[in-house]
Amino acid sequence: MYTAVIKQSGDWWLGWIEEIPGVNCQEATREELLESLRITLLEALEFNRQDAIEAAGSDYVEEAIAL
């Protein structure tokens, strides 16, 4: 689970995902903002996943970590 920090500023809704730097969006409605944050978060996680796999090279193991 991730946390969205959102606020309305004038005519715009602004939002950030607390746990992932760089995931932020701006939309005209709250609903559009939340959907954009979901999409942007998924894209960022997939990008980071691919980056980690490429950095690890071969012979790596994936482990689930729960907090």
C-alpha atoms as a PDB file:
ATOM      1  CA  MET A   1       0.000   0.000   0.000  1.00  0.00           C
ATOM      2  CA  TYR A   2       1.185   3.495  -0.833  1.00  0.00           C
ATOM      3  CA  THR A   3       0.118   6.887   0.472  1.00  0.00           C
ATOM      4  CA  ALA A   4      -1.062   9.710  -1.786  1.00  0.00           C
ATOM      5  CA  VAL A   5      -0.689  13.238  -0.461  1.00  0.00           C
ATOM      6  CA  ILE A   6      -3.188  15.395  -2.342  1.00  0.00           C
ATOM      7  CA  LYS A   7      -4.391  18.964  -2.249  1.00  0.00           C
ATOM      8  CA  GLN A   8      -6.395  21.387  -4.319  1.00  0.00           C
ATOM      9  CA  SER A   9      -4.557  24.503  -5.481  1.00  0.00           C
ATOM     10  CA  GLY A  10      -6.804  26.900  -7.350  1.00  0.00           C
ATOM     11  CA  ASP A  11      -8.415  24.977 -10.201  1.00  0.00           C
ATOM     12  CA  TRP A  12      -5.922  22.110 -10.012  1.00  0.00           C
ATOM     13  CA  TRP A  13      -5.497  19.012  -7.876  1.00  0.00           C
ATOM     14  CA  LEU A  14      -1.884  18.192  -6.994  1.00  0.00           C
ATOM     15  CA  GLY A  15      -0.626  14.887  -5.646  1.00  0.00           C
ATOM     16  CA  TRP A  16       2.472  12.994  -4.608  1.00  0.00           C
ATOM     17  CA  ILE A  17       3.175   9.418  -3.548  1.00  0.00           C
ATOM     18  CA  GLU A  18       4.958   9.689  -0.193  1.00  0.00           C
ATOM     19  CA  GLU A  19       7.028   6.552  -0.501  1.00  0.00           C
ATOM     20  CA  ILE A  20       8.335   6.973  -4.066  1.00  0.00           C
ATOM     21  CA  PRO A  21      10.286  10.139  -4.962  1.00  0.00           C
ATOM     22  CA  GLY A  22       9.355  11.625  -8.311  1.00  0.00           C
ATOM     23  CA  VAL A  23       5.817  10.238  -8.459  1.00  0.00           C
ATOM     24  CA  ASN A  24       3.673  13.337  -8.623  1.00  0.00           C
ATOM     25  CA  CYS A  25       0.804  14.512 -10.818  1.00  0.00           C
ATOM     26  CA  GLN A  26      -1.514  17.426 -11.485  1.00  0.00           C
ATOM     27  CA  GLU A  27      -5.081  17.099 -12.786  1.00  0.00           C
ATOM     28  CA  ALA A  28      -8.307  19.088 -13.053  1.00  0.00           C
ATOM     29  CA  THR A  29     -10.309  16.780 -10.755  1.00  0.00           C
ATOM     30  CA  ARG A  30      -9.597  14.710  -7.659  1.00  0.00           C
ATOM     31  CA  GLU A  31     -10.683  11.518  -9.431  1.00  0.00           C
ATOM     32  CA  GLU A  32      -8.411  12.214 -12.420  1.00  0.00           C
ATOM     33  CA  LEU A  33      -5.552  12.938 -10.035  1.00  0.00           C
ATOM     34  CA  LEU A  34      -5.929   9.658  -8.175  1.00  0.00           C
ATOM     35  CA  GLU A  35      -6.047   7.714 -11.456  1.00  0.00           C
ATOM     36  CA  SER A  36      -2.957   9.534 -12.769  1.00  0.00           C
ATOM     37  CA  LEU A  37      -1.113   8.810  -9.524  1.00  0.00           C
ATOM     38  CA  ARG A  38      -1.991   5.103  -9.800  1.00  0.00           C
ATOM     39  CA  ILE A  39      -0.757   4.924 -13.397  1.00  0.00           C
ATOM     40  CA  THR A  40       2.403   6.925 -12.674  1.00  0.00           C
ATOM     41  CA  LEU A  41       3.154   4.786  -9.605  1.00  0.00           C
ATOM     42  CA  LEU A  42       2.778   1.556 -11.594  1.00  0.00           C
ATOM     43  CA  GLU A  43       5.072   2.910 -14.317  1.00  0.00           C
ATOM     44  CA  ALA A  44       7.684   4.015 -11.756  1.00  0.00           C
ATOM     45  CA  LEU A  45       7.637   0.639 -10.003  1.00  0.00           C
ATOM     46  CA  GLU A  46       8.038  -1.227 -13.294  1.00  0.00           C
ATOM     47  CA  PHE A  47      10.865   1.085 -14.381  1.00  0.00           C
ATOM     48  CA  ASN A  48      12.637   0.622 -11.016  1.00  0.00           C
ATOM     49  CA  ARG A  49      12.119  -3.141 -11.219  1.00  0.00           C
ATOM     50  CA  GLN A  50      13.690  -3.325 -14.683  1.00  0.00           C
ATOM     51  CA  ASP A  51      16.538  -1.060 -13.579  1.00  0.00           C
ATOM     52  CA  ALA A  52      17.281  -3.287 -10.570  1.00  0.00           C
ATOM     53  CA  ILE A  53      17.244  -6.464 -12.671  1.00  0.00           C
ATOM     54  CA  GLU A  54      19.591  -4.927 -15.234  1.00  0.00           C
ATOM     55  CA  ALA A  55      21.930  -3.725 -12.474  1.00  0.00           C
ATOM     56  CA  ALA A  56      21.985  -7.172 -10.847  1.00  0.00           C
ATOM     57  CA  GLY A  57      23.090  -8.883 -14.043  1.00  0.00           C
ATOM     58  CA  SER A  58      22.883 -12.666 -13.880  1.00  0.00           C
ATOM     59  CA  ASP A  59      22.662 -15.139 -11.008  1.00  0.00           C
ATOM     60  CA  TYR A  60      20.419 -13.009  -8.824  1.00  0.00           C
ATOM     61  CA  VAL A  61      17.634 -14.070  -6.469  1.00  0.00           C
ATOM     62  CA  GLU A  62      14.433 -12.158  -5.788  1.00  0.00           C
ATOM     63  CA  GLU A  63      13.184 -12.073  -2.183  1.00  0.00           C
ATOM     64  CA  ALA A  64       9.907 -10.667  -0.902  1.00  0.00           C
ATOM     65  CA  ILE A  65      10.320  -8.249   2.001  1.00  0.00           C
ATOM     66  CA  ALA A  66       7.374  -7.423   4.244  1.00  0.00           C
ATOM     67  CA  LEU A  67       7.281  -4.442   6.573  1.00  0.00           C
END
